[in-house]
Amino acid sequence: MESTIESQKIDAEIERLRADSRKLEAETFKLSAEMLKLAAESCKLNRQTRWLPMIEGAGLVAITLTFAKLFLR
């Protein structure tokens, strides 16, 4: 009788540990997905940071040329 109760306690503890393990695996998966999303956003921001000054410069040149053409005629 006593060994049956002890066995049930052990089985319950094993199930609790398995549930904890599944919970940790799910959290790890969620954090990995979040990390990938942040890495993609970082890559996008790096591209924008690199190209934005050139685009702004080209726009400024176009505006300057337009005003020069309109007012210097």
Protein backbone atom coordinates (compact mmCIF):
# COMPACT_ATOMS: atom_id res chain seq x y z
CA MET A 1 0.00 0.00 0.00
CA GLU A 2 2.74 2.41 0.96
CA SER A 3 4.74 1.69 -2.20
CA THR A 4 1.63 2.39 -4.32
CA ILE A 5 1.19 5.80 -2.70
CA GLU A 6 4.90 6.52 -3.16
CA SER A 7 4.68 5.42 -6.80
CA GLN A 8 1.69 7.72 -7.37
CA LYS A 9 3.60 10.62 -5.82
CA ILE A 10 6.55 9.94 -8.11
CA ASP A 11 4.27 9.69 -11.15
CA ALA A 12 2.59 12.99 -10.22
CA GLU A 13 5.98 14.65 -9.83
CA ILE A 14 7.08 13.31 -13.22
CA GLU A 15 3.94 14.70 -14.87
CA ARG A 16 4.49 18.07 -13.20
CA LEU A 17 8.08 18.13 -14.50
CA ARG A 18 6.91 17.20 -18.00
CA ALA A 19 4.34 20.01 -17.94
CA ASP A 20 7.03 22.45 -16.80
CA SER A 21 9.28 21.22 -19.57
CA ARG A 22 6.56 21.75 -22.21
CA LYS A 23 5.92 25.23 -20.84
CA LEU A 24 9.63 26.09 -21.08
CA GLU A 25 9.83 24.72 -24.63
CA ALA A 26 6.89 26.89 -25.67
CA GLU A 27 8.46 29.95 -24.09
CA THR A 28 11.77 29.19 -25.82
CA PHE A 29 9.99 28.90 -29.17
CA LYS A 30 8.19 32.20 -28.56
CA LEU A 31 11.45 33.96 -27.65
CA SER A 32 13.18 32.53 -30.74
CA ALA A 33 10.40 33.85 -32.97
CA GLU A 34 10.63 37.26 -31.30
CA MET A 35 14.40 37.27 -31.75
CA LEU A 36 14.03 36.53 -35.48
CA LYS A 37 11.48 39.33 -35.83
CA LEU A 38 13.79 41.80 -34.08
CA ALA A 39 16.73 40.73 -36.26
CA ALA A 40 14.64 41.34 -39.39
CA GLU A 41 13.58 44.78 -38.11
CA SER A 42 17.20 45.61 -37.31
CA CYS A 43 18.27 44.64 -40.82
CA LYS A 44 15.51 46.81 -42.29
CA LEU A 45 16.54 49.79 -40.16
CA ASN A 46 20.17 49.35 -41.18
CA ARG A 47 19.18 49.43 -44.86
CA GLN A 48 17.04 52.52 -44.34
CA THR A 49 19.82 54.28 -42.43
CA ARG A 50 22.24 53.59 -45.26
CA TRP A 51 19.96 54.73 -48.14
CA LEU A 52 17.93 57.54 -46.56
CA PRO A 53 20.65 60.24 -46.73
CA MET A 54 21.20 59.51 -50.42
CA ILE A 55 17.48 59.71 -51.16
CA GLU A 56 17.17 62.96 -49.21
CA GLY A 57 20.20 64.37 -51.03
CA ALA A 58 18.76 63.44 -54.42
CA GLY A 59 15.46 65.08 -53.47
CA LEU A 60 17.26 68.24 -52.36
CA VAL A 61 19.19 68.37 -55.65
CA ALA A 62 15.97 67.89 -57.63
CA ILE A 63 14.21 70.68 -55.71
CA THR A 64 17.19 73.01 -56.12
CA LEU A 65 17.38 72.35 -59.85
CA THR A 66 13.63 72.88 -60.21
CA PHE A 67 13.70 76.23 -58.40
CA ALA A 68 16.81 77.30 -60.34
CA LYS A 69 15.15 76.44 -63.62
CA LEU A 70 11.93 78.28 -62.70
CA PHE A 71 13.47 81.45 -61.28
CA LEU A 72 16.56 81.84 -63.44
CA ARG A 73 14.76 81.92 -66.75
